Protein backbone atom coordinates (compact mmCIF):
# COMPACT_ATOMS: atom_id res chain seq x y z
CA MET A 1 11.71 -11.36 -17.10
CA LYS A 2 8.41 -13.73 -17.45
CA THR A 3 5.31 -12.84 -15.89
CA ALA A 4 5.19 -14.87 -12.83
CA PRO A 5 8.38 -14.11 -11.21
CA LEU A 6 7.15 -9.72 -11.96
CA VAL A 7 4.12 -10.22 -9.85
CA GLY A 8 5.56 -12.44 -7.49
CA ILE A 9 8.24 -10.39 -6.70
CA ILE A 10 5.36 -7.24 -6.94
CA LEU A 11 3.39 -9.40 -4.23
CA ILE A 12 5.95 -9.88 -1.90
CA VAL A 13 6.82 -6.20 -1.42
CA LEU A 14 3.45 -4.82 -1.48
CA GLY A 15 3.07 -7.81 1.91
CA VAL A 16 6.15 -6.53 3.29
CA VAL A 17 4.99 -2.47 2.50
CA SER A 18 2.04 -3.44 4.12
CA LEU A 19 2.47 -5.14 7.12
CA ALA A 20 5.07 -2.13 8.11
CA TYR A 21 2.95 0.17 7.77
CA GLN A 22 -0.41 -1.03 8.26
CA GLY A 23 -2.24 1.90 6.85
CA ILE A 24 -1.85 4.48 4.58
CA THR A 25 -1.99 8.29 6.28
CA TYR A 26 -3.32 11.06 4.06
CA THR A 27 -3.72 14.74 4.95
CA THR A 28 -7.05 17.00 3.25
CA HIS A 29 -6.74 21.08 3.40
CA LYS A 30 -10.23 22.79 4.25
CA GLN A 31 -10.28 26.33 3.79
CA VAL A 32 -12.11 27.68 6.87
CA LEU A 33 -11.90 30.93 7.60
CA ASP A 34 -12.02 34.12 4.44
CA ILE A 35 -11.49 37.74 5.66
CA GLY A 36 -10.01 39.55 2.43
CA PRO A 37 -6.41 38.86 3.32
CA LEU A 38 -6.92 37.14 6.38
CA GLN A 39 -7.09 33.39 5.47
CA ALA A 40 -7.63 30.40 7.78
CA THR A 41 -7.08 26.59 6.61
CA GLU A 42 -7.97 23.30 8.30
CA ALA A 43 -5.64 19.79 7.79
CA LYS A 44 -7.14 16.85 8.52
CA GLU A 45 -5.76 13.27 8.66
CA HIS A 46 -7.15 10.39 7.56
CA THR A 47 -5.71 6.58 7.62
CA ILE A 48 -7.20 4.03 5.36
CA PRO A 49 -6.46 1.16 7.57
CA LEU A 50 -5.20 -1.80 6.12
CA PRO A 51 -5.41 -5.16 7.90
CA PRO A 52 -2.60 -7.69 8.92
CA ILE A 53 -3.66 -10.53 7.03
CA LEU A 54 -3.97 -8.74 3.70
CA GLY A 55 -0.28 -8.38 4.27
CA ALA A 56 0.14 -11.60 4.93
CA LEU A 57 -1.71 -12.94 2.46
CA ALA A 58 -0.36 -10.73 -0.34
CA LEU A 59 2.99 -12.43 0.83
CA ILE A 60 2.14 -15.60 0.69
CA GLY A 61 0.50 -15.11 -2.32
CA GLY A 62 3.60 -13.61 -3.57
CA VAL A 63 6.31 -16.50 -2.24
CA ALA A 64 3.44 -18.95 -4.56
CA VAL A 65 2.75 -17.28 -7.69
CA LEU A 66 7.13 -17.11 -7.26
CA ALA A 67 8.12 -20.69 -6.65
CA ALA A 68 5.07 -21.93 -9.50
CA GLY A 69 6.85 -19.03 -11.74
CA SER A 70 10.25 -21.20 -10.77
CA ARG A 71 9.36 -24.74 -10.96
CA ARG A 72 8.09 -23.83 -14.36
CA ILE A 73 10.97 -22.68 -16.11
CA ALA A 74 13.22 -25.56 -14.73
């Protein structure tokens, strides 16, 4: 498979995923209390927002790369 169509497909998939989820969420665990056998932890959620314009640009860029790659082959 040629490189341009592969990059175009990857950009399209990333754009659709970015538009669907609009952010990456992850959880960190912090130990709050540690007294012998007694332990307490705190779970905190963090979100990295992905702006919709980023997903749209990736989607449009992927379609453009895919179209340019197919135009070169034909």
